[in-house]
Amino acid sequence: MFIYLSYLSSIMPLIRANRIFSKGVKFLTMVHRLFSSIHSLKMVEALSMIADTEDFKTYTNTYVANEVEGRELFELKAAVIAPVCVTMEQRRAARPLSDACDKAKRTYKL
């Protein structure tokens, strides 16, 4: 457990600084139609893992820095998350990302 937490504390600042989350959201929103549903699901799960970290919750305004990024995140929910997460287990795995979408909607009044 300690190794995992140590790993997160060193990698999350890099993910935040290089804007990996917002780039991933933008990428997935733009090209999800070209992927199979399983590939889109895996990308949703990866973004959800980022959204489920303490670093994301602490620095949400850095991960989703402006209204444009907030809109892209909110659009991801209807365009990608809802269609690919059909089972309860998939929806559970995508829950942190779905919550981040809802928070972007409230924050930027979308």
PDB file of N, CA and C in Angstrom:
ATOM      1  N   MET A   1       0.828  -1.192   0.000  1.00  0.00           N
ATOM      2  CA  MET A   1       0.000   0.000   0.000  1.00  0.00           C
ATOM      3  C   MET A   1       0.872   1.254   0.000  1.00  0.00           C
ATOM      4  N   PHE A   2       1.934   1.257   0.811  1.00  0.00           N
ATOM      5  CA  PHE A   2       2.802   2.428   0.884  1.00  0.00           C
ATOM      6  C   PHE A   2       3.480   2.705  -0.445  1.00  0.00           C
ATOM      7  N   ILE A   3       3.907   1.648  -1.142  1.00  0.00           N
ATOM      8  CA  ILE A   3       4.563   1.820  -2.437  1.00  0.00           C
ATOM      9  C   ILE A   3       3.586   2.456  -3.423  1.00  0.00           C
ATOM     10  N   TYR A   4       2.331   2.010  -3.418  1.00  0.00           N
ATOM     11  CA  TYR A   4       1.316   2.563  -4.301  1.00  0.00           C
ATOM     12  C   TYR A   4       1.107   4.053  -4.021  1.00  0.00           C
ATOM     13  N   LEU A   5       0.992   4.421  -2.770  1.00  0.00           N
ATOM     14  CA  LEU A   5       0.803   5.822  -2.413  1.00  0.00           C
ATOM     15  C   LEU A   5       2.028   6.653  -2.762  1.00  0.00           C
ATOM     16  N   SER A   6       3.190   6.110  -2.566  1.00  0.00           N
ATOM     17  CA  SER A   6       4.421   6.792  -2.925  1.00  0.00           C
ATOM     18  C   SER A   6       4.483   7.009  -4.428  1.00  0.00           C
ATOM     19  N   TYR A   7       4.076   6.014  -5.173  1.00  0.00           N
ATOM     20  CA  TYR A   7       4.052   6.101  -6.627  1.00  0.00           C
ATOM     21  C   TYR A   7       3.095   7.207  -7.079  1.00  0.00           C
ATOM     22  N   LEU A   8       1.908   7.246  -6.499  1.00  0.00           N
ATOM     23  CA  LEU A   8       0.935   8.283  -6.858  1.00  0.00           C
ATOM     24  C   LEU A   8       1.457   9.671  -6.546  1.00  0.00           C
ATOM     25  N   SER A   9       2.119   9.831  -5.420  1.00  0.00           N
ATOM     26  CA  SER A   9       2.601  11.160  -5.047  1.00  0.00           C
ATOM     27  C   SER A   9       3.689  11.648  -5.986  1.00  0.00           C
ATOM     28  N   SER A  10       4.368  10.736  -6.671  1.00  0.00           N
ATOM     29  CA  SER A  10       5.401  11.176  -7.610  1.00  0.00           C
ATOM     30  C   SER A  10       4.879  11.323  -9.034  1.00  0.00           C
ATOM     31  N   ILE A  11       3.868  10.562  -9.421  1.00  0.00           N
ATOM     32  CA  ILE A  11       3.384  10.600 -10.807  1.00  0.00           C
ATOM     33  C   ILE A  11       2.280  11.642 -11.020  1.00  0.00           C
ATOM     34  N   MET A  12       1.452  11.872 -10.020  1.00  0.00           N
ATOM     35  CA  MET A  12       0.320  12.782 -10.224  1.00  0.00           C
ATOM     36  C   MET A  12       0.749  14.222 -10.524  1.00  0.00           C
ATOM     37  N   PRO A  13       1.776  14.760  -9.904  1.00  0.00           N
ATOM     38  CA  PRO A  13       2.209  16.108 -10.297  1.00  0.00           C
ATOM     39  C   PRO A  13       2.631  16.179 -11.769  1.00  0.00           C
ATOM     40  N   LEU A  14       3.212  15.115 -12.287  1.00  0.00           N
ATOM     41  CA  LEU A  14       3.580  15.088 -13.705  1.00  0.00           C
ATOM     42  C   LEU A  14       2.343  15.037 -14.601  1.00  0.00           C
ATOM     43  N   ILE A  15       1.370  14.230 -14.201  1.00  0.00           N
ATOM     44  CA  ILE A  15       0.117  14.151 -14.957  1.00  0.00           C
ATOM     45  C   ILE A  15      -0.574  15.504 -14.949  1.00  0.00           C
ATOM     46  N   ARG A  16      -0.561  16.169 -13.797  1.00  0.00           N
ATOM     47  CA  ARG A  16      -1.182  17.491 -13.685  1.00  0.00           C
ATOM     48  C   ARG A  16      -0.430  18.526 -14.511  1.00  0.00           C
ATOM     49  N   ALA A  17       0.890  18.572 -14.385  1.00  0.00           N
ATOM     50  CA  ALA A  17       1.700  19.581 -15.074  1.00  0.00           C
ATOM     51  C   ALA A  17       1.656  19.425 -16.593  1.00  0.00           C
ATOM     52  N   ASN A  18       1.588  18.194 -17.067  1.00  0.00           N
ATOM     53  CA  ASN A  18       1.562  17.961 -18.513  1.00  0.00           C
ATOM     54  C   ASN A  18       0.155  17.903 -19.101  1.00  0.00           C
ATOM     55  N   ARG A  19      -0.846  18.156 -18.241  1.00  0.00           N
ATOM     56  CA  ARG A  19      -2.241  18.255 -18.670  1.00  0.00           C
ATOM     57  C   ARG A  19      -2.752  16.959 -19.315  1.00  0.00           C
ATOM     58  N   ILE A  20      -2.273  15.826 -18.821  1.00  0.00           N
ATOM     59  CA  ILE A  20      -2.626  14.526 -19.382  1.00  0.00           C
ATOM     60  C   ILE A  20      -4.130  14.270 -19.297  1.00  0.00           C
ATOM     61  N   PHE A  21      -4.746  14.642 -18.185  1.00  0.00           N
ATOM     62  CA  PHE A  21      -6.177  14.390 -18.026  1.00  0.00           C
ATOM     63  C   PHE A  21      -6.984  15.157 -19.065  1.00  0.00           C
ATOM     64  N   SER A  22      -6.761  16.452 -19.184  1.00  0.00           N
ATOM     65  CA  SER A  22      -7.549  17.252 -20.133  1.00  0.00           C
ATOM     66  C   SER A  22      -7.252  16.853 -21.578  1.00  0.00           C
ATOM     67  N   LYS A  23      -6.005  16.491 -21.862  1.00  0.00           N
ATOM     68  CA  LYS A  23      -5.668  16.012 -23.214  1.00  0.00           C
ATOM     69  C   LYS A  23      -6.348  14.683 -23.502  1.00  0.00           C
ATOM     70  N   GLY A  24      -6.410  13.816 -22.499  1.00  0.00           N
ATOM     71  CA  GLY A  24      -7.097  12.538 -22.659  1.00  0.00           C
ATOM     72  C   GLY A  24      -8.580  12.708 -22.899  1.00  0.00           C
ATOM     73  N   VAL A  25      -9.194  13.634 -22.165  1.00  0.00           N
ATOM     74  CA  VAL A  25     -10.621  13.912 -22.350  1.00  0.00           C
ATOM     75  C   VAL A  25     -10.863  14.445 -23.759  1.00  0.00           C
ATOM     76  N   LYS A  26     -10.056  15.401 -24.183  1.00  0.00           N
ATOM     77  CA  LYS A  26     -10.225  15.983 -25.515  1.00  0.00           C
ATOM     78  C   LYS A  26     -10.014  14.930 -26.604  1.00  0.00           C
ATOM     79  N   PHE A  27      -8.968  14.135 -26.458  1.00  0.00           N
ATOM     80  CA  PHE A  27      -8.669  13.086 -27.430  1.00  0.00           C
ATOM     81  C   PHE A  27      -9.817  12.095 -27.531  1.00  0.00           C
ATOM     82  N   LEU A  28     -10.284  11.604 -26.393  1.00  0.00           N
ATOM     83  CA  LEU A  28     -11.346  10.607 -26.395  1.00  0.00           C
ATOM     84  C   LEU A  28     -12.637  11.179 -26.963  1.00  0.00           C
ATOM     85  N   THR A  29     -12.945  12.413 -26.652  1.00  0.00           N
ATOM     86  CA  THR A  29     -14.151  13.045 -27.181  1.00  0.00           C
ATOM     87  C   THR A  29     -14.083  13.159 -28.699  1.00  0.00           C
ATOM     88  N   MET A  30     -12.906  13.482 -29.215  1.00  0.00           N
ATOM     89  CA  MET A  30     -12.760  13.683 -30.664  1.00  0.00           C
ATOM     90  C   MET A  30     -12.751  12.371 -31.448  1.00  0.00           C
ATOM     91  N   VAL A  31     -12.137  11.319 -30.921  1.00  0.00           N
ATOM     92  CA  VAL A  31     -11.912  10.128 -31.742  1.00  0.00           C
ATOM     93  C   VAL A  31     -12.589   8.858 -31.231  1.00  0.00           C
ATOM     94  N   HIS A  32     -13.469   8.959 -30.283  1.00  0.00           N
ATOM     95  CA  HIS A  32     -14.071   7.748 -29.718  1.00  0.00           C
ATOM     96  C   HIS A  32     -14.831   6.931 -30.751  1.00  0.00           C
ATOM     97  N   ARG A  33     -15.317   7.565 -31.792  1.00  0.00           N
ATOM     98  CA  ARG A  33     -16.068   6.829 -32.818  1.00  0.00           C
ATOM     99  C   ARG A  33     -15.167   5.889 -33.618  1.00  0.00           C
ATOM    100  N   LEU A  34     -13.874   6.169 -33.630  1.00  0.00           N
ATOM    101  CA  LEU A  34     -12.923   5.340 -34.361  1.00  0.00           C
ATOM    102  C   LEU A  34     -12.487   4.116 -33.566  1.00  0.00           C
ATOM    103  N   PHE A  35     -12.723   4.131 -32.259  1.00  0.00           N
ATOM    104  CA  PHE A  35     -12.321   3.038 -31.387  1.00  0.00           C
ATOM    105  C   PHE A  35     -13.452   2.032 -31.245  1.00  0.00           C
ATOM    106  N   SER A  36     -13.091   0.813 -30.896  1.00  0.00           N
ATOM    107  CA  SER A  36     -14.114  -0.142 -30.487  1.00  0.00           C
ATOM    108  C   SER A  36     -14.594   0.274 -29.095  1.00  0.00           C
ATOM    109  N   SER A  37     -15.732  -0.239 -28.705  1.00  0.00           N
ATOM    110  CA  SER A  37     -16.274   0.158 -27.406  1.00  0.00           C
ATOM    111  C   SER A  37     -15.363  -0.288 -26.260  1.00  0.00           C
ATOM    112  N   ILE A  38     -14.674  -1.404 -26.423  1.00  0.00           N
ATOM    113  CA  ILE A  38     -13.783  -1.862 -25.348  1.00  0.00           C
ATOM    114  C   ILE A  38     -12.591  -0.927 -25.192  1.00  0.00           C
ATOM    115  N   HIS A  39     -12.080  -0.390 -26.288  1.00  0.00           N
ATOM    116  CA  HIS A  39     -10.971   0.563 -26.193  1.00  0.00           C
ATOM    117  C   HIS A  39     -11.429   1.872 -25.555  1.00  0.00           C
ATOM    118  N   SER A  40     -12.607   2.322 -25.926  1.00  0.00           N
ATOM    119  CA  SER A  40     -13.160   3.529 -25.299  1.00  0.00           C
ATOM    120  C   SER A  40     -13.382   3.299 -23.810  1.00  0.00           C
ATOM    121  N   LEU A  41     -13.869   2.117 -23.464  1.00  0.00           N
ATOM    122  CA  LEU A  41     -14.094   1.782 -22.053  1.00  0.00           C
ATOM    123  C   LEU A  41     -12.788   1.810 -21.274  1.00  0.00           C
ATOM    124  N   LYS A  42     -11.733   1.274 -21.837  1.00  0.00           N
ATOM    125  CA  LYS A  42     -10.433   1.274 -21.143  1.00  0.00           C
ATOM    126  C   LYS A  42      -9.910   2.690 -20.956  1.00  0.00           C
ATOM    127  N   MET A  43     -10.124   3.558 -21.930  1.00  0.00           N
ATOM    128  CA  MET A  43      -9.711   4.959 -21.793  1.00  0.00           C
ATOM    129  C   MET A  43     -10.556   5.646 -20.712  1.00  0.00           C
ATOM    130  N   VAL A  44     -11.852   5.357 -20.675  1.00  0.00           N
ATOM    131  CA  VAL A  44     -12.723   5.899 -19.622  1.00  0.00           C
ATOM    132  C   VAL A  44     -12.239   5.427 -18.255  1.00  0.00           C
ATOM    133  N   GLU A  45     -11.881   4.157 -18.144  1.00  0.00           N
ATOM    134  CA  GLU A  45     -11.390   3.636 -16.871  1.00  0.00           C
ATOM    135  C   GLU A  45     -10.082   4.312 -16.457  1.00  0.00           C
ATOM    136  N   ALA A  46      -9.198   4.556 -17.412  1.00  0.00           N
ATOM    137  CA  ALA A  46      -7.930   5.228 -17.100  1.00  0.00           C
ATOM    138  C   ALA A  46      -8.170   6.652 -16.615  1.00  0.00           C
ATOM    139  N   LEU A  47      -9.041   7.385 -17.305  1.00  0.00           N
ATOM    140  CA  LEU A  47      -9.362   8.750 -16.873  1.00  0.00           C
ATOM    141  C   LEU A  47     -10.063   8.739 -15.520  1.00  0.00           C
ATOM    142  N   SER A  48     -10.871   7.717 -15.293  1.00  0.00           N
ATOM    143  CA  SER A  48     -11.569   7.593 -14.022  1.00  0.00           C
ATOM    144  C   SER A  48     -10.596   7.338 -12.880  1.00  0.00           C
ATOM    145  N   MET A  49      -9.549   6.560 -13.143  1.00  0.00           N
ATOM    146  CA  MET A  49      -8.530   6.318 -12.119  1.00  0.00           C
ATOM    147  C   MET A  49      -7.827   7.625 -11.744  1.00  0.00           C
ATOM    148  N   ILE A  50      -7.587   8.470 -12.719  1.00  0.00           N
ATOM    149  CA  ILE A  50      -6.975   9.774 -12.427  1.00  0.00           C
ATOM    150  C   ILE A  50      -7.940  10.608 -11.591  1.00  0.00           C
ATOM    151  N   ALA A  51      -9.212  10.621 -11.993  1.00  0.00           N
ATOM    152  CA  ALA A  51     -10.216  11.421 -11.284  1.00  0.00           C
ATOM    153  C   ALA A  51     -10.462  10.930  -9.862  1.00  0.00           C
ATOM    154  N   ASP A  52     -10.071   9.705  -9.588  1.00  0.00           N
ATOM    155  CA  ASP A  52     -10.304   9.123  -8.260  1.00  0.00           C
ATOM    156  C   ASP A  52      -9.144   9.357  -7.299  1.00  0.00           C
ATOM    157  N   THR A  53      -8.127  10.089  -7.704  1.00  0.00           N
ATOM    158  CA  THR A  53      -6.971  10.322  -6.831  1.00  0.00           C
ATOM    159  C   THR A  53      -7.199  11.541  -5.942  1.00  0.00           C
ATOM    160  N   GLU A  54      -6.494  11.559  -4.841  1.00  0.00           N
ATOM    161  CA  GLU A  54      -6.548  12.698  -3.929  1.00  0.00           C
ATOM    162  C   GLU A  54      -6.005  13.958  -4.602  1.00  0.00           C
ATOM    163  N   ASP A  55      -5.002  13.789  -5.453  1.00  0.00           N
ATOM    164  CA  ASP A  55      -4.417  14.926  -6.165  1.00  0.00           C
ATOM    165  C   ASP A  55      -5.451  15.580  -7.074  1.00  0.00           C
ATOM    166  N   PHE A  56      -6.235  14.784  -7.768  1.00  0.00           N
ATOM    167  CA  PHE A  56      -7.275  15.329  -8.649  1.00  0.00           C
ATOM    168  C   PHE A  56      -8.319  16.072  -7.828  1.00  0.00           C
ATOM    169  N   LYS A  57      -8.714  15.497  -6.728  1.00  0.00           N
ATOM    170  CA  LYS A  57      -9.736  16.124  -5.894  1.00  0.00           C
ATOM    171  C   LYS A  57      -9.224  17.418  -5.264  1.00  0.00           C
ATOM    172  N   THR A  58      -7.926  17.461  -4.966  1.00  0.00           N
ATOM    173  CA  THR A  58      -7.331  18.656  -4.376  1.00  0.00           C
ATOM    174  C   THR A  58      -7.131  19.754  -5.415  1.00  0.00           C
ATOM    175  N   TYR A  59      -6.696  19.382  -6.597  1.00  0.00           N
ATOM    176  CA  TYR A  59      -6.355  20.354  -7.641  1.00  0.00           C
ATOM    177  C   TYR A  59      -7.289  20.260  -8.840  1.00  0.00           C
ATOM    178  N   THR A  60      -8.562  20.057  -8.615  1.00  0.00           N
ATOM    179  CA  THR A  60      -9.519  19.918  -9.718  1.00  0.00           C
ATOM    180  C   THR A  60      -9.465  21.108 -10.659  1.00  0.00           C
ATOM    181  N   ASN A  61      -9.288  22.301 -10.114  1.00  0.00           N
ATOM    182  CA  ASN A  61      -9.262  23.497 -10.957  1.00  0.00           C
ATOM    183  C   ASN A  61      -8.022  23.557 -11.835  1.00  0.00           C
ATOM    184  N   THR A  62      -7.016  22.763 -11.547  1.00  0.00           N
ATOM    185  CA  THR A  62      -5.838  22.673 -12.401  1.00  0.00           C
ATOM    186  C   THR A  62      -6.038  21.613 -13.466  1.00  0.00           C
ATOM    187  N   TYR A  63      -6.668  20.511 -13.108  1.00  0.00           N
ATOM    188  CA  TYR A  63      -6.941  19.454 -14.075  1.00  0.00           C
ATOM    189  C   TYR A  63      -7.993  19.895 -15.090  1.00  0.00           C
ATOM    190  N   VAL A  64      -8.994  20.614 -14.633  1.00  0.00           N
ATOM    191  CA  VAL A  64     -10.043  21.169 -15.503  1.00  0.00           C
ATOM    192  C   VAL A  64      -9.961  22.679 -15.317  1.00  0.00           C
ATOM    193  N   ALA A  65      -9.118  23.310 -16.142  1.00  0.00           N
ATOM    194  CA  ALA A  65      -8.681  24.672 -15.856  1.00  0.00           C
ATOM    195  C   ALA A  65      -9.623  25.773 -16.328  1.00  0.00           C
ATOM    196  N   ASN A  66     -10.497  25.487 -17.273  1.00  0.00           N
ATOM    197  CA  ASN A  66     -11.345  26.568 -17.797  1.00  0.00           C
ATOM    198  C   ASN A  66     -12.666  26.002 -18.301  1.00  0.00           C
ATOM    199  N   GLU A  67     -13.520  26.882 -18.753  1.00  0.00           N
ATOM    200  CA  GLU A  67     -14.853  26.475 -19.177  1.00  0.00           C
ATOM    201  C   GLU A  67     -14.818  25.557 -20.402  1.00  0.00           C
ATOM    202  N   VAL A  68     -13.878  25.778 -21.301  1.00  0.00           N
ATOM    203  CA  VAL A  68     -13.759  24.926 -22.488  1.00  0.00           C
ATOM    204  C   VAL A  68     -13.455  23.481 -22.075  1.00  0.00           C
ATOM    205  N   GLU A  69     -12.501  23.310 -21.173  1.00  0.00           N
ATOM    206  CA  GLU A  69     -12.177  21.973 -20.687  1.00  0.00           C
ATOM    207  C   GLU A  69     -13.338  21.387 -19.894  1.00  0.00           C
ATOM    208  N   GLY A  70     -14.033  22.218 -19.139  1.00  0.00           N
ATOM    209  CA  GLY A  70     -15.200  21.753 -18.397  1.00  0.00           C
ATOM    210  C   GLY A  70     -16.294  21.278 -19.330  1.00  0.00           C
ATOM    211  N   ARG A  71     -16.505  22.001 -20.430  1.00  0.00           N
ATOM    212  CA  ARG A  71     -17.517  21.605 -21.415  1.00  0.00           C
ATOM    213  C   ARG A  71     -17.125  20.286 -22.086  1.00  0.00           C
ATOM    214  N   GLU A  72     -15.851  20.153 -22.440  1.00  0.00           N
ATOM    215  CA  GLU A  72     -15.381  18.893 -23.049  1.00  0.00           C
ATOM    216  C   GLU A  72     -15.592  17.718 -22.099  1.00  0.00           C
ATOM    217  N   LEU A  73     -15.293  17.934 -20.837  1.00  0.00           N
ATOM    218  CA  LEU A  73     -15.484  16.884 -19.840  1.00  0.00           C
ATOM    219  C   LEU A  73     -16.959  16.550 -19.694  1.00  0.00           C
ATOM    220  N   PHE A  74     -17.803  17.548 -19.647  1.00  0.00           N
ATOM    221  CA  PHE A  74     -19.239  17.319 -19.513  1.00  0.00           C
ATOM    222  C   PHE A  74     -19.793  16.584 -20.744  1.00  0.00           C
ATOM    223  N   GLU A  75     -19.330  16.956 -21.941  1.00  0.00           N
ATOM    224  CA  GLU A  75     -19.791  16.302 -23.166  1.00  0.00           C
ATOM    225  C   GLU A  75     -19.329  14.848 -23.238  1.00  0.00           C
ATOM    226  N   LEU A  76     -18.217  14.544 -22.604  1.00  0.00           N
ATOM    227  CA  LEU A  76     -17.694  13.181 -22.588  1.00  0.00           C
ATOM    228  C   LEU A  76     -18.697  12.226 -21.951  1.00  0.00           C
ATOM    229  N   LYS A  77     -19.428  12.697 -20.964  1.00  0.00           N
ATOM    230  CA  LYS A  77     -20.360  11.826 -20.250  1.00  0.00           C
ATOM    231  C   LYS A  77     -21.438  11.278 -21.182  1.00  0.00           C
ATOM    232  N   ALA A  78     -22.056  12.154 -21.955  1.00  0.00           N
ATOM    233  CA  ALA A  78     -23.123  11.706 -22.852  1.00  0.00           C
ATOM    234  C   ALA A  78     -22.577  11.006 -24.091  1.00  0.00           C
ATOM    235  N   ALA A  79     -21.457  11.496 -24.600  1.00  0.00           N
ATOM    236  CA  ALA A  79     -20.934  10.967 -25.856  1.00  0.00           C
ATOM    237  C   ALA A  79     -20.216   9.623 -25.691  1.00  0.00           C
ATOM    238  N   VAL A  80     -19.533   9.432 -24.571  1.00  0.00           N
ATOM    239  CA  VAL A  80     -18.686   8.242 -24.431  1.00  0.00           C
ATOM    240  C   VAL A  80     -19.039   7.409 -23.206  1.00  0.00           C
ATOM    241  N   ILE A  81     -19.110   8.033 -22.052  1.00  0.00           N
ATOM    242  CA  ILE A  81     -19.274   7.255 -20.822  1.00  0.00           C
ATOM    243  C   ILE A  81     -20.589   6.474 -20.822  1.00  0.00           C
ATOM    244  N   ALA A  82     -21.693   7.140 -21.086  1.00  0.00           N
ATOM    245  CA  ALA A  82     -22.993   6.466 -21.054  1.00  0.00           C
ATOM    246  C   ALA A  82     -23.086   5.320 -22.068  1.00  0.00           C
ATOM    247  N   PRO A  83     -22.645   5.508 -23.315  1.00  0.00           N
ATOM    248  CA  PRO A  83     -22.752   4.399 -24.270  1.00  0.00           C
ATOM    249  C   PRO A  83     -21.854   3.190 -23.976  1.00  0.00           C
ATOM    250  N   VAL A  84     -20.673   3.407 -23.423  1.00  0.00           N
ATOM    251  CA  VAL A  84     -19.754   2.264 -23.234  1.00  0.00           C
ATOM    252  C   VAL A  84     -19.887   1.599 -21.868  1.00  0.00           C
ATOM    253  N   CYS A  85     -20.448   2.273 -20.905  1.00  0.00           N
ATOM    254  CA  CYS A  85     -20.593   1.699 -19.561  1.00  0.00           C
ATOM    255  C   CYS A  85     -21.998   1.138 -19.407  1.00  0.00           C
ATOM    256  N   VAL A  86     -22.162  -0.118 -19.800  1.00  0.00           N
ATOM    257  CA  VAL A  86     -23.496  -0.707 -19.808  1.00  0.00           C
ATOM    258  C   VAL A  86     -23.767  -1.601 -18.597  1.00  0.00           C
ATOM    259  N   THR A  87     -22.737  -2.188 -18.018  1.00  0.00           N
ATOM    260  CA  THR A  87     -22.965  -3.046 -16.854  1.00  0.00           C
ATOM    261  C   THR A  87     -22.735  -2.245 -15.572  1.00  0.00           C
ATOM    262  N   MET A  88     -23.221  -2.779 -14.495  1.00  0.00           N
ATOM    263  CA  MET A  88     -23.056  -2.126 -13.196  1.00  0.00           C
ATOM    264  C   MET A  88     -21.574  -1.997 -12.844  1.00  0.00           C
ATOM    265  N   GLU A  89     -20.796  -3.024 -13.131  1.00  0.00           N
ATOM    266  CA  GLU A  89     -19.362  -2.991 -12.839  1.00  0.00           C
ATOM    267  C   GLU A  89     -18.656  -1.893 -13.644  1.00  0.00           C
ATOM    268  N   GLN A  90     -19.023  -1.734 -14.898  1.00  0.00           N
ATOM    269  CA  GLN A  90     -18.423  -0.689 -15.736  1.00  0.00           C
ATOM    270  C   GLN A  90     -18.819   0.698 -15.229  1.00  0.00           C
ATOM    271  N   ARG A  91     -20.083   0.847 -14.868  1.00  0.00           N
ATOM    272  CA  ARG A  91     -20.535   2.155 -14.339  1.00  0.00           C
ATOM    273  C   ARG A  91     -19.842   2.463 -13.020  1.00  0.00           C
ATOM    274  N   ARG A  92     -19.619   1.456 -12.201  1.00  0.00           N
ATOM    275  CA  ARG A  92     -18.919   1.640 -10.929  1.00  0.00           C
ATOM    276  C   ARG A  92     -17.480   2.093 -11.169  1.00  0.00           C
ATOM    277  N   ALA A  93     -16.819   1.492 -12.152  1.00  0.00           N
ATOM    278  CA  ALA A  93     -15.433   1.865 -12.469  1.00  0.00           C
ATOM    279  C   ALA A  93     -15.353   3.287 -13.022  1.00  0.00           C
ATOM    280  N   ALA A  94     -16.392   3.712 -13.730  1.00  0.00           N
ATOM    281  CA  ALA A  94     -16.402   5.042 -14.345  1.00  0.00           C
ATOM    282  C   ALA A  94     -16.985   6.117 -13.425  1.00  0.00           C
ATOM    283  N   ARG A  95     -17.414   5.745 -12.251  1.00  0.00           N
ATOM    284  CA  ARG A  95     -18.091   6.685 -11.350  1.00  0.00           C
ATOM    285  C   ARG A  95     -17.264   7.933 -11.009  1.00  0.00           C
ATOM    286  N   PRO A  96     -15.981   7.812 -10.678  1.00  0.00           N
ATOM    287  CA  PRO A  96     -15.213   9.028 -10.379  1.00  0.00           C
ATOM    288  C   PRO A  96     -15.153   9.999 -11.561  1.00  0.00           C
ATOM    289  N   LEU A  97     -15.041   9.459 -12.761  1.00  0.00           N
ATOM    290  CA  LEU A  97     -15.025  10.325 -13.944  1.00  0.00           C
ATOM    291  C   LEU A  97     -16.396  10.943 -14.174  1.00  0.00           C
ATOM    292  N   SER A  98     -17.424  10.159 -13.984  1.00  0.00           N
ATOM    293  CA  SER A  98     -18.790  10.673 -14.117  1.00  0.00           C
ATOM    294  C   SER A  98     -19.060  11.777 -13.095  1.00  0.00           C
ATOM    295  N   ASP A  99     -18.583  11.597 -11.877  1.00  0.00           N
ATOM    296  CA  ASP A  99     -18.724  12.632 -10.850  1.00  0.00           C
ATOM    297  C   ASP A  99     -17.961  13.903 -11.240  1.00  0.00           C
ATOM    298  N   ALA A 100     -16.788  13.736 -11.850  1.00  0.00           N
ATOM    299  CA  ALA A 100     -16.016  14.894 -12.308  1.00  0.00           C
ATOM    300  C   ALA A 100     -16.762  15.633 -13.408  1.00  0.00           C
ATOM    301  N   CYS A 101     -17.446  14.888 -14.276  1.00  0.00           N
ATOM    302  CA  CYS A 101     -18.276  15.516 -15.325  1.00  0.00           C
ATOM    303  C   CYS A 101     -19.391  16.347 -14.697  1.00  0.00           C
ATOM    304  N   ASP A 102     -20.047  15.775 -13.702  1.00  0.00           N
ATOM    305  CA  ASP A 102     -21.128  16.488 -13.018  1.00  0.00           C
ATOM    306  C   ASP A 102     -20.603  17.731 -12.300  1.00  0.00           C
ATOM    307  N   LYS A 103     -19.432  17.616 -11.699  1.00  0.00           N
ATOM    308  CA  LYS A 103     -18.839  18.770 -11.019  1.00  0.00           C
ATOM    309  C   LYS A 103     -18.491  19.876 -12.022  1.00  0.00           C
ATOM    310  N   ALA A 104     -18.000  19.502 -13.194  1.00  0.00           N
ATOM    311  CA  ALA A 104     -17.702  20.492 -14.230  1.00  0.00           C
ATOM    312  C   ALA A 104     -18.983  21.196 -14.660  1.00  0.00           C
ATOM    313  N   LYS A 105     -20.069  20.447 -14.750  1.00  0.00           N
ATOM    314  CA  LYS A 105     -21.363  21.039 -15.121  1.00  0.00           C
ATOM    315  C   LYS A 105     -21.788  22.077 -14.088  1.00  0.00           C
ATOM    316  N   ARG A 106     -21.640  21.744 -12.815  1.00  0.00           N
ATOM    317  CA  ARG A 106     -22.033  22.691 -11.756  1.00  0.00           C
ATOM    318  C   ARG A 106     -21.072  23.880 -11.699  1.00  0.00           C
ATOM    319  N   THR A 107     -19.781  23.626 -11.813  1.00  0.00           N
ATOM    320  CA  THR A 107     -18.783  24.680 -11.681  1.00  0.00           C
ATOM    321  C   THR A 107     -18.908  25.714 -12.782  1.00  0.00           C
ATOM    322  N   TYR A 108     -19.080  25.243 -14.019  1.00  0.00           N
ATOM    323  CA  TYR A 108     -19.101  26.160 -15.160  1.00  0.00           C
ATOM    324  C   TYR A 108     -20.519  26.450 -15.650  1.00  0.00           C
ATOM    325  N   LYS A 109     -21.525  25.973 -14.887  1.00  0.00           N
ATOM    326  CA  LYS A 109     -22.931  26.240 -15.182  1.00  0.00           C
ATOM    327  C   LYS A 109     -23.272  25.885 -16.645  1.00  0.00           C
ATOM    328  N   LEU A 110     -22.983  24.645 -16.996  1.00  0.00           N
ATOM    329  CA  LEU A 110     -23.201  24.171 -18.366  1.00  0.00           C
ATOM    330  C   LEU A 110     -24.599  23.632 -18.546  1.00  0.00           C
TER     331      LEU A 110
END
